[in-house]
Amino acid sequence: MLKTLMMGTALVAASATMAAAKTQVTWWHAMGGELGQKLEEIVADYNASQDEYEVIPTYKGTYTETMTGAIAAFRAKQQPDIVQVFEVGTGTMMAAKGAVYPVYQLMKDAGADFDPDAYLPAVAGYYTDTDGNMLSMPFNSSTPVLYYNKDEFAKAGLDPNTPPKTWADMEAFSKKIVESGAAECGFTSAWISWAQTENFSAWHNLPIGTMENGFGGLGAELTLADDLRARHWGNLAKWQKEGLYRYAGPGGGDDANPAFQSGTCAMVMNSSGSRAGLMANSRFDVGVGMLPYYDDVAGAPQNSIIGGATLWVLQGHSKEEYKGVADFFTYLSSPEVQADWHQFSGYLPITKAAYSLSQEQGYYEQNPGADVAIKQITLNTPTENSKGLRFGNYVQIRSIIDEEFEALLGGKKTAMEALQSVDERGNKLLREFEKANQ
């Protein structure tokens, strides 16, 4: 009995030693709820797939909390190997000199197979420098699309299988919807900044600022005050007064999806990552279409740009840990893992192979509209104007966009005056960021 007990103890000790021998890789993330559970599942599957590394994921709150927490941890020399950062934090992360281990360099140093061309161009372009080097690893990427209530379209005498293509269509369809009594308002939108300003600009191949939208350096300036954007903001204000459009609030616009799901508004523009939730929680048939565009603008539509987050690697760890990071990134980018994550979450597949696998599996045939976001961001090769943006202090600049848009809706400013204020106030923040990071 004693001998058996001693043997059992030895086996436990040996198992513990083997487990301890695994190189640990720490990952701080901002995914809660069902998405967080799925993330934990992906990590558990990776850990079980090999015996060299153990990835330890830790939920750190919102995107902002996760990023600021990682920066504070780096200063205290307690930083994780990997941190998930939302797309508007890219400029800040790039400027954190000595803190970031660029992904292209990490993968090269680790001897890992890594082909930037394997990723969707509109995804990779957002996180690539002007020399074509990928700085961080895409993970959960989304883009805004148009959702519409097919039942209310039918009630208004509109074809439920034909979403509006242009802004002229949006106005005409909304008038029919409201005048017929099919719904109280034609459309709403989340994220005036992301959907109606940043993506609007990319969709019409307009620069948001100088120096390739900030990709070219810290000296970039915002250039939002132009005729087309003033026309669009002015139209939104006019349509708000006419009851065709309903403002959903600042930031992400938490009221946008509920206004659509309740049937109050027949259309909503929001993240492609909202698709699964809208389909599950709406008591009507949901259609999906691309973002509308002004058809008198040459080159429109171009391509939309992404939101969501990416994975940054922080300096200050061992070579073995970085080999583990590279191995995990290779696993995370595999077609099977990415296709599964994409189909579960509604986020875009980050690679062409994951998109192809989803096609082969019949996912898009079984889920009409699920590929609209992918078609939209891959519609054309991204230009300097449509590959994304990279400005410091951009989280604060988005708040300025919300404030100035509300000043327009309140009748305090014209659309051009509001956009001029965005440029003026935003450029002050850019100069502060440039001074602090030179």
Protein backbone atom coordinates (compact mmCIF):
# COMPACT_ATOMS: atom_id res chain seq x y z
CA MET A 1 0.00 0.00 0.00
CA LEU A 2 2.80 2.39 1.01
CA LYS A 3 4.75 1.50 -2.13
CA THR A 4 1.70 2.17 -4.31
CA LEU A 5 1.09 5.49 -2.57
CA MET A 6 4.74 6.48 -3.08
CA MET A 7 4.53 5.57 -6.76
CA GLY A 8 1.38 7.65 -7.15
CA THR A 9 3.04 10.60 -5.44
CA ALA A 10 6.03 10.27 -7.76
CA LEU A 11 3.77 10.28 -10.80
CA VAL A 12 1.98 13.41 -9.59
CA ALA A 13 5.35 15.08 -8.98
CA ALA A 14 6.56 14.05 -12.43
CA SER A 15 3.39 15.41 -14.03
CA ALA A 16 3.79 18.68 -12.16
CA THR A 17 7.39 18.93 -13.34
CA MET A 18 6.32 18.32 -16.95
CA ALA A 19 3.60 20.97 -16.65
CA ALA A 20 6.07 23.41 -15.10
CA ALA A 21 8.47 22.72 -17.96
CA LYS A 22 6.05 24.34 -20.37
CA THR A 23 7.04 27.89 -21.30
CA GLN A 24 4.23 30.19 -20.22
CA VAL A 25 2.93 32.93 -22.52
CA THR A 26 0.68 35.61 -20.97
CA TRP A 27 -2.13 37.25 -22.95
CA TRP A 28 -4.18 40.19 -21.66
CA HIS A 29 -7.44 40.64 -23.55
CA ALA A 30 -10.69 42.64 -23.57
CA MET A 31 -13.19 39.97 -24.59
CA GLY A 32 -15.94 39.33 -22.05
CA GLY A 33 -19.11 37.24 -22.16
CA GLU A 34 -19.59 34.66 -24.91
CA LEU A 35 -16.67 36.00 -26.94
CA GLY A 36 -14.41 35.64 -23.90
CA GLN A 37 -15.57 32.06 -23.40
CA LYS A 38 -14.81 31.29 -27.04
CA LEU A 39 -11.37 32.86 -26.68
CA GLU A 40 -10.68 30.66 -23.64
CA GLU A 41 -11.78 27.64 -25.68
CA ILE A 42 -9.35 28.53 -28.50
CA VAL A 43 -6.50 28.88 -26.00
CA ALA A 44 -7.37 25.58 -24.28
CA ASP A 45 -7.35 23.81 -27.64
CA TYR A 46 -3.96 25.30 -28.46
CA ASN A 47 -2.50 24.32 -25.09
CA ALA A 48 -3.72 20.76 -25.61
CA SER A 49 -2.32 20.61 -29.14
CA GLN A 50 1.35 20.72 -28.07
CA ASP A 51 3.48 20.28 -24.96
CA GLU A 52 6.04 23.10 -25.20
CA TYR A 53 4.00 26.21 -24.42
CA GLU A 54 1.08 27.25 -22.25
CA VAL A 55 -0.84 30.39 -23.12
CA ILE A 56 -2.48 32.03 -20.10
CA PRO A 57 -5.30 34.43 -21.08
CA THR A 58 -6.45 37.11 -18.64
CA TYR A 59 -9.50 39.36 -19.10
CA LYS A 60 -8.57 42.96 -18.28
CA GLY A 61 -11.82 44.86 -18.94
CA THR A 62 -12.61 47.23 -21.80
CA TYR A 63 -10.26 47.93 -24.69
CA THR A 64 -9.19 51.20 -23.08
CA GLU A 65 -8.63 49.56 -19.69
CA THR A 66 -6.66 46.72 -21.25
CA MET A 67 -4.37 49.03 -23.22
CA THR A 68 -3.73 51.50 -20.41
CA GLY A 69 -3.22 48.62 -17.98
CA ALA A 70 -0.60 47.07 -20.25
CA ILE A 71 1.24 50.39 -20.62
CA ALA A 72 1.28 50.83 -16.83
CA ALA A 73 2.45 47.23 -16.40
CA PHE A 74 5.29 47.81 -18.87
CA ARG A 75 6.52 50.78 -16.85
CA ALA A 76 6.46 48.56 -13.76
CA LYS A 77 8.23 45.77 -15.72
CA GLN A 78 5.25 43.45 -15.20
CA GLN A 79 3.92 43.46 -18.76
CA PRO A 80 2.29 40.46 -20.48
CA ASP A 81 3.75 38.88 -23.62
CA ILE A 82 0.64 39.74 -25.66
CA VAL A 83 -1.96 42.49 -25.26
CA GLN A 84 -5.15 42.99 -27.28
CA VAL A 85 -5.50 46.62 -28.42
CA PHE A 86 -8.36 48.18 -30.39
CA GLU A 87 -7.64 49.66 -33.79
CA VAL A 88 -7.62 53.31 -32.72
CA GLY A 89 -4.86 52.52 -30.23
CA THR A 90 -2.48 51.60 -33.07
CA GLY A 91 -0.81 55.02 -33.22
CA THR A 92 -0.28 55.04 -29.47
CA MET A 93 1.22 51.55 -29.48
CA MET A 94 3.56 52.39 -32.35
CA ALA A 95 4.82 55.46 -30.51
CA ALA A 96 5.61 53.45 -27.37
CA LYS A 97 9.31 53.24 -28.26
CA GLY A 98 11.08 50.20 -26.94
CA ALA A 99 7.84 48.66 -25.71
CA VAL A 100 6.65 46.82 -28.81
CA TYR A 101 8.15 43.80 -30.58
CA PRO A 102 6.82 44.12 -34.17
CA VAL A 103 5.12 40.92 -35.29
CA TYR A 104 6.99 40.69 -38.61
CA GLN A 105 10.31 40.81 -36.71
CA LEU A 106 9.11 38.41 -34.02
CA MET A 107 8.04 35.80 -36.57
CA LYS A 108 11.32 36.17 -38.47
CA ASP A 109 13.43 35.87 -35.32
CA ALA A 110 11.46 32.80 -34.23
CA GLY A 111 11.88 31.15 -37.63
CA ALA A 112 8.10 30.87 -37.99
CA ASP A 113 6.29 30.61 -41.31
CA PHE A 114 4.71 34.02 -41.85
CA ASP A 115 3.26 35.46 -45.05
CA PRO A 116 1.63 38.90 -44.76
CA ASP A 117 -0.01 38.31 -48.15
CA ALA A 118 -2.06 35.50 -46.60
CA TYR A 119 -4.14 38.09 -44.72
CA LEU A 120 -7.02 40.08 -46.17
CA PRO A 121 -5.40 43.29 -47.54
CA ALA A 122 -7.83 45.64 -45.79
CA VAL A 123 -7.05 43.91 -42.49
CA ALA A 124 -3.28 43.65 -42.90
CA GLY A 125 -3.00 47.18 -44.29
CA TYR A 126 -4.34 48.75 -41.11
CA TYR A 127 -1.52 47.25 -39.06
CA THR A 128 1.29 47.56 -41.60
CA ASP A 129 3.86 50.36 -41.76
CA THR A 130 4.75 52.30 -44.91
CA ASP A 131 7.51 49.78 -45.68
CA GLY A 132 4.98 46.92 -45.76
CA ASN A 133 5.90 45.42 -42.39
CA MET A 134 3.08 44.02 -40.22
CA LEU A 135 3.38 45.41 -36.71
CA SER A 136 0.74 43.42 -34.85
CA MET A 137 -1.31 40.27 -35.35
CA PRO A 138 -4.93 40.73 -36.50
CA PHE A 139 -7.44 38.80 -34.41
CA ASN A 140 -10.95 40.23 -34.22
CA SER A 141 -11.63 42.57 -37.13
CA SER A 142 -14.99 44.01 -38.18
CA THR A 143 -16.36 46.62 -40.56
CA PRO A 144 -19.70 48.47 -40.58
CA VAL A 145 -22.45 47.20 -42.87
CA LEU A 146 -26.11 47.99 -43.47
CA TYR A 147 -28.79 45.84 -41.82
CA TYR A 148 -32.43 46.20 -42.87
CA ASN A 149 -35.84 44.91 -41.82
CA LYS A 150 -37.20 42.87 -44.73
CA ASP A 151 -40.70 42.80 -43.25
CA GLU A 152 -40.90 46.59 -43.03
CA PHE A 153 -39.49 46.91 -46.55
CA ALA A 154 -42.36 44.74 -47.80
CA LYS A 155 -44.93 46.80 -45.84
CA ALA A 156 -43.55 49.96 -47.45
CA GLY A 157 -43.82 48.47 -50.92
CA LEU A 158 -40.07 48.00 -51.28
CA ASP A 159 -38.38 44.85 -52.56
CA PRO A 160 -37.26 43.00 -49.40
CA ASN A 161 -34.37 41.45 -51.30
CA THR A 162 -32.96 44.75 -52.58
CA PRO A 163 -31.17 46.94 -50.02
CA PRO A 164 -30.43 50.58 -50.88
CA LYS A 165 -27.15 51.10 -52.71
CA THR A 166 -26.73 54.87 -52.67
CA TRP A 167 -27.50 57.71 -50.26
CA ALA A 168 -30.18 58.83 -52.70
CA ASP A 169 -31.72 55.37 -52.26
CA MET A 170 -31.44 55.71 -48.47
CA GLU A 171 -33.40 58.95 -48.57
CA ALA A 172 -36.04 57.63 -51.00
CA PHE A 173 -36.46 54.31 -49.18
CA SER A 174 -36.68 56.05 -45.79
CA LYS A 175 -39.41 58.38 -47.07
CA LYS A 176 -41.45 55.42 -48.31
CA ILE A 177 -40.97 53.60 -45.01
CA VAL A 178 -42.04 56.57 -42.86
CA GLU A 179 -44.87 57.77 -45.12
CA SER A 180 -46.33 54.24 -45.40
CA GLY A 181 -46.27 53.84 -41.63
CA ALA A 182 -44.07 50.74 -41.89
CA ALA A 183 -41.70 52.23 -39.29
CA GLU A 184 -41.22 55.46 -37.35
CA CYS A 185 -37.85 56.20 -38.93
CA GLY A 186 -35.95 55.06 -41.96
CA PHE A 187 -32.51 54.43 -40.49
CA THR A 188 -30.15 54.89 -37.60
CA SER A 189 -26.42 54.34 -37.20
CA ALA A 190 -23.93 53.43 -34.53
CA TRP A 191 -20.58 55.22 -34.42
CA ILE A 192 -20.84 58.58 -36.20
CA SER A 193 -17.03 58.58 -36.01
CA TRP A 194 -16.28 55.06 -37.23
CA ALA A 195 -19.22 54.44 -39.60
CA GLN A 196 -20.27 57.89 -40.85
CA THR A 197 -16.91 59.69 -40.89
CA GLU A 198 -13.93 57.31 -41.04
CA ASN A 199 -15.54 54.57 -43.13
CA PHE A 200 -17.51 57.14 -45.11
CA SER A 201 -14.18 58.70 -46.09
CA ALA A 202 -12.53 55.41 -47.07
CA TRP A 203 -15.67 54.29 -48.96
CA HIS A 204 -15.39 57.49 -51.05
CA ASN A 205 -11.56 57.31 -51.26
CA LEU A 206 -11.09 60.53 -49.30
CA PRO A 207 -8.16 61.16 -46.94
CA ILE A 208 -9.00 61.74 -43.29
CA GLY A 209 -5.69 63.51 -42.79
CA THR A 210 -2.31 64.19 -44.33
CA MET A 211 0.67 61.83 -44.53
CA GLU A 212 -1.37 58.80 -45.60
CA ASN A 213 -3.91 59.24 -42.79
CA GLY A 214 -1.09 59.36 -40.26
CA PHE A 215 0.70 56.26 -41.52
CA GLY A 216 3.56 58.48 -42.72
CA GLY A 217 4.51 59.94 -39.36
CA LEU A 218 3.59 61.95 -36.29
CA GLY A 219 3.36 65.24 -38.19
CA ALA A 220 0.00 64.38 -39.80
CA GLU A 221 -2.97 66.76 -39.64
CA LEU A 222 -6.70 66.08 -39.90
CA THR A 223 -8.43 67.25 -43.10
CA LEU A 224 -12.07 66.33 -42.51
CA ALA A 225 -13.56 69.72 -43.40
CA ASP A 226 -14.36 69.34 -47.09
CA ASP A 227 -17.43 69.66 -49.29
CA LEU A 228 -18.42 65.98 -49.45
CA ARG A 229 -18.23 65.31 -45.73
CA ALA A 230 -20.00 68.62 -45.01
CA ARG A 231 -22.68 67.54 -47.49
CA HIS A 232 -23.07 64.19 -45.74
CA TRP A 233 -23.15 65.56 -42.19
CA GLY A 234 -25.57 68.24 -43.42
CA ASN A 235 -27.82 65.58 -44.94
CA LEU A 236 -27.82 63.57 -41.71
CA ALA A 237 -28.90 66.69 -39.79
CA LYS A 238 -31.62 67.42 -42.38
CA TRP A 239 -32.86 63.82 -42.33
CA GLN A 240 -32.91 63.89 -38.53
CA LYS A 241 -35.26 66.91 -38.62
CA GLU A 242 -37.44 65.20 -41.22
CA GLY A 243 -37.71 62.03 -39.13
CA LEU A 244 -35.96 59.88 -41.73
CA TYR A 245 -32.83 59.38 -39.62
CA ARG A 246 -32.51 58.92 -35.85
CA TYR A 247 -29.30 59.81 -33.99
CA ALA A 248 -28.29 56.95 -31.68
CA GLY A 249 -25.96 58.79 -29.34
CA PRO A 250 -22.20 59.32 -28.99
CA GLY A 251 -19.50 56.71 -29.24
CA GLY A 252 -20.73 53.26 -30.17
CA GLY A 253 -24.33 54.34 -30.17
CA ASP A 254 -25.84 51.82 -27.77
CA ASP A 255 -29.33 52.81 -28.89
CA ALA A 256 -28.77 51.97 -32.56
CA ASN A 257 -29.34 48.22 -32.45
CA PRO A 258 -32.33 48.39 -30.04
CA ALA A 259 -34.03 50.95 -32.30
CA PHE A 260 -33.63 48.52 -35.18
CA GLN A 261 -34.55 45.37 -33.26
CA SER A 262 -37.71 46.97 -31.89
CA GLY A 263 -38.81 47.88 -35.41
CA THR A 264 -38.64 51.61 -34.70
CA CYS A 265 -36.10 52.13 -37.49
CA ALA A 266 -36.12 49.96 -40.60
CA MET A 267 -32.34 50.12 -41.16
CA VAL A 268 -29.19 50.38 -39.08
CA MET A 269 -25.52 50.75 -39.92
CA ASN A 270 -23.33 48.93 -37.42
CA SER A 271 -20.49 46.47 -37.04
CA SER A 272 -20.42 43.23 -39.01
CA GLY A 273 -19.71 41.73 -35.59
CA SER A 274 -23.31 42.64 -34.63
CA ARG A 275 -24.76 40.29 -37.23
CA ALA A 276 -25.16 37.16 -35.11
CA GLY A 277 -26.79 39.10 -32.28
CA LEU A 278 -29.17 40.97 -34.59
CA MET A 279 -30.21 37.77 -36.34
CA ALA A 280 -30.82 36.00 -33.02
CA ASN A 281 -32.66 38.83 -31.28
CA SER A 282 -34.85 40.28 -34.04
CA ARG A 283 -38.41 39.04 -34.61
CA PHE A 284 -38.24 39.71 -38.32
CA ASP A 285 -36.17 38.70 -41.34
CA VAL A 286 -32.90 40.66 -41.34
CA GLY A 287 -31.24 41.59 -44.63
CA VAL A 288 -27.62 42.73 -45.02
CA GLY A 289 -26.25 45.16 -47.58
CA MET A 290 -23.13 47.19 -48.21
CA LEU A 291 -22.77 50.75 -46.96
CA PRO A 292 -24.47 53.35 -49.17
CA TYR A 293 -22.40 55.82 -51.20
CA TYR A 294 -22.87 59.04 -53.18
CA ASP A 295 -22.94 57.88 -56.78
CA ASP A 296 -21.72 61.21 -58.16
CA VAL A 297 -18.33 60.73 -56.46
CA ALA A 298 -15.69 59.31 -58.80
CA GLY A 299 -14.20 56.04 -57.57
CA ALA A 300 -16.92 55.30 -55.03
CA PRO A 301 -17.37 52.82 -53.59
CA GLN A 302 -13.73 52.03 -52.80
CA ASN A 303 -13.43 49.76 -49.73
CA SER A 304 -14.43 50.05 -46.10
CA ILE A 305 -11.97 49.92 -43.21
CA ILE A 306 -11.90 47.79 -40.13
CA GLY A 307 -12.59 48.10 -36.45
CA GLY A 308 -12.07 45.56 -33.72
CA ALA A 309 -8.66 44.75 -32.26
CA THR A 310 -5.27 43.25 -32.87
CA LEU A 311 -2.61 41.50 -30.78
CA TRP A 312 0.57 43.39 -29.88
CA VAL A 313 3.69 41.74 -28.51
CA LEU A 314 5.55 43.57 -25.75
CA GLN A 315 9.30 43.67 -25.20
CA GLY A 316 11.05 42.44 -22.05
CA HIS A 317 10.57 38.67 -22.21
CA SER A 318 12.71 35.63 -22.95
CA LYS A 319 13.45 34.14 -26.37
CA GLU A 320 11.56 31.00 -25.37
CA GLU A 321 8.43 33.00 -24.57
CA TYR A 322 8.65 34.76 -27.93
CA LYS A 323 8.98 31.40 -29.68
CA GLY A 324 5.79 30.44 -27.88
CA VAL A 325 4.08 33.64 -29.02
CA ALA A 326 5.09 32.95 -32.63
CA ASP A 327 3.86 29.36 -32.39
CA PHE A 328 0.54 30.50 -30.91
CA PHE A 329 0.10 33.17 -33.59
CA THR A 330 0.68 30.54 -36.27
CA TYR A 331 -2.04 28.38 -34.67
CA LEU A 332 -4.37 31.35 -34.24
CA SER A 333 -4.06 32.28 -37.91
CA SER A 334 -4.70 28.75 -39.20
CA PRO A 335 -7.69 28.45 -41.56
CA GLU A 336 -9.58 26.09 -39.23
CA VAL A 337 -9.24 28.28 -36.13
CA GLN A 338 -9.99 31.51 -37.98
CA ALA A 339 -12.98 30.11 -39.87
CA ASP A 340 -14.44 28.80 -36.61
CA TRP A 341 -13.88 32.14 -34.82
CA HIS A 342 -15.37 34.07 -37.78
CA GLN A 343 -18.45 31.86 -37.99
CA PHE A 344 -19.05 31.93 -34.24
CA SER A 345 -18.45 35.63 -33.62
CA GLY A 346 -19.41 37.47 -36.79
CA TYR A 347 -15.94 39.02 -36.98
CA LEU A 348 -14.15 38.88 -40.31
CA PRO A 349 -11.91 35.94 -41.18
CA ILE A 350 -8.46 37.56 -41.09
CA THR A 351 -6.97 35.34 -43.81
CA LYS A 352 -7.93 34.49 -47.36
CA ALA A 353 -7.66 30.79 -46.49
CA ALA A 354 -10.17 31.10 -43.64
CA TYR A 355 -12.57 32.85 -46.00
CA SER A 356 -12.11 30.11 -48.62
CA LEU A 357 -12.64 27.40 -46.01
CA SER A 358 -15.89 29.03 -44.89
CA GLN A 359 -17.01 29.10 -48.51
CA GLU A 360 -16.14 25.42 -48.97
CA GLN A 361 -18.07 24.56 -45.81
CA GLY A 362 -21.16 26.20 -47.28
CA TYR A 363 -21.35 28.73 -44.43
CA TYR A 364 -22.36 31.69 -46.61
CA GLU A 365 -25.01 29.71 -48.49
CA GLN A 366 -26.53 28.68 -45.16
CA ASN A 367 -26.17 32.20 -43.71
CA PRO A 368 -27.09 34.77 -46.38
CA GLY A 369 -25.45 38.15 -45.80
CA ALA A 370 -22.60 36.78 -43.71
CA ASP A 371 -20.10 37.51 -46.49
CA VAL A 372 -21.21 41.10 -47.22
CA ALA A 373 -18.58 42.56 -44.90
CA ILE A 374 -15.81 40.56 -46.59
CA LYS A 375 -16.95 41.58 -50.07
CA GLN A 376 -17.08 45.18 -48.89
CA ILE A 377 -13.56 45.44 -47.46
CA THR A 378 -12.10 43.50 -50.42
CA LEU A 379 -14.09 45.40 -53.07
CA ASN A 380 -10.95 47.19 -54.27
CA THR A 381 -7.27 47.21 -53.34
CA PRO A 382 -6.89 49.66 -50.42
CA THR A 383 -5.43 53.05 -51.31
CA GLU A 384 -3.51 55.51 -49.12
CA ASN A 385 -6.93 56.95 -48.28
CA SER A 386 -8.70 53.66 -47.59
CA LYS A 387 -6.24 51.41 -45.76
CA GLY A 388 -7.09 52.88 -42.37
CA LEU A 389 -5.83 55.61 -40.09
CA ARG A 390 -3.03 56.01 -37.60
CA PHE A 391 -3.25 59.07 -35.39
CA GLY A 392 -2.13 59.52 -31.82
CA ASN A 393 -4.71 60.52 -29.17
CA TYR A 394 -7.40 59.26 -31.55
CA VAL A 395 -9.64 57.94 -28.79
CA GLN A 396 -10.03 61.56 -27.64
CA ILE A 397 -10.46 62.76 -31.22
CA ARG A 398 -13.42 60.42 -31.65
CA SER A 399 -15.05 62.12 -28.66
CA ILE A 400 -14.53 65.47 -30.40
CA ILE A 401 -16.26 64.11 -33.53
CA ASP A 402 -19.27 63.14 -31.39
CA GLU A 403 -19.38 66.54 -29.68
CA GLU A 404 -19.21 68.50 -32.93
CA PHE A 405 -21.82 66.31 -34.62
CA GLU A 406 -24.17 66.96 -31.69
CA ALA A 407 -23.48 70.71 -32.04
CA LEU A 408 -24.59 70.38 -35.67
CA LEU A 409 -27.78 68.51 -34.72
CA GLY A 410 -28.49 71.12 -32.06
CA GLY A 411 -28.38 73.91 -34.66
CA LYS A 412 -25.34 75.54 -33.07
CA LYS A 413 -23.08 75.03 -36.10
CA THR A 414 -23.28 74.28 -39.80
CA ALA A 415 -21.84 70.99 -41.01
CA MET A 416 -18.72 72.73 -42.35
CA GLU A 417 -18.24 74.65 -39.10
CA ALA A 418 -18.57 71.44 -37.08
CA LEU A 419 -16.00 69.64 -39.25
CA GLN A 420 -13.64 72.60 -39.11
CA SER A 421 -13.86 72.41 -35.32
CA VAL A 422 -13.03 68.69 -35.45
CA ASP A 423 -9.91 69.49 -37.48
CA GLU A 424 -8.87 72.40 -35.26
CA ARG A 425 -9.42 70.66 -31.92
CA GLY A 426 -8.13 67.33 -33.19
CA ASN A 427 -4.94 68.82 -34.59
CA LYS A 428 -4.14 70.35 -31.20
CA LEU A 429 -4.25 66.84 -29.74
CA LEU A 430 -2.08 65.55 -32.58
CA ARG A 431 0.55 68.22 -31.91
CA GLU A 432 0.52 67.35 -28.21
CA PHE A 433 1.03 63.69 -29.10
CA GLU A 434 3.81 64.52 -31.54
CA LYS A 435 5.62 66.64 -28.94
CA ALA A 436 5.33 63.89 -26.31
CA ASN A 437 6.61 61.17 -28.63
CA GLN A 438 9.37 62.79 -30.67
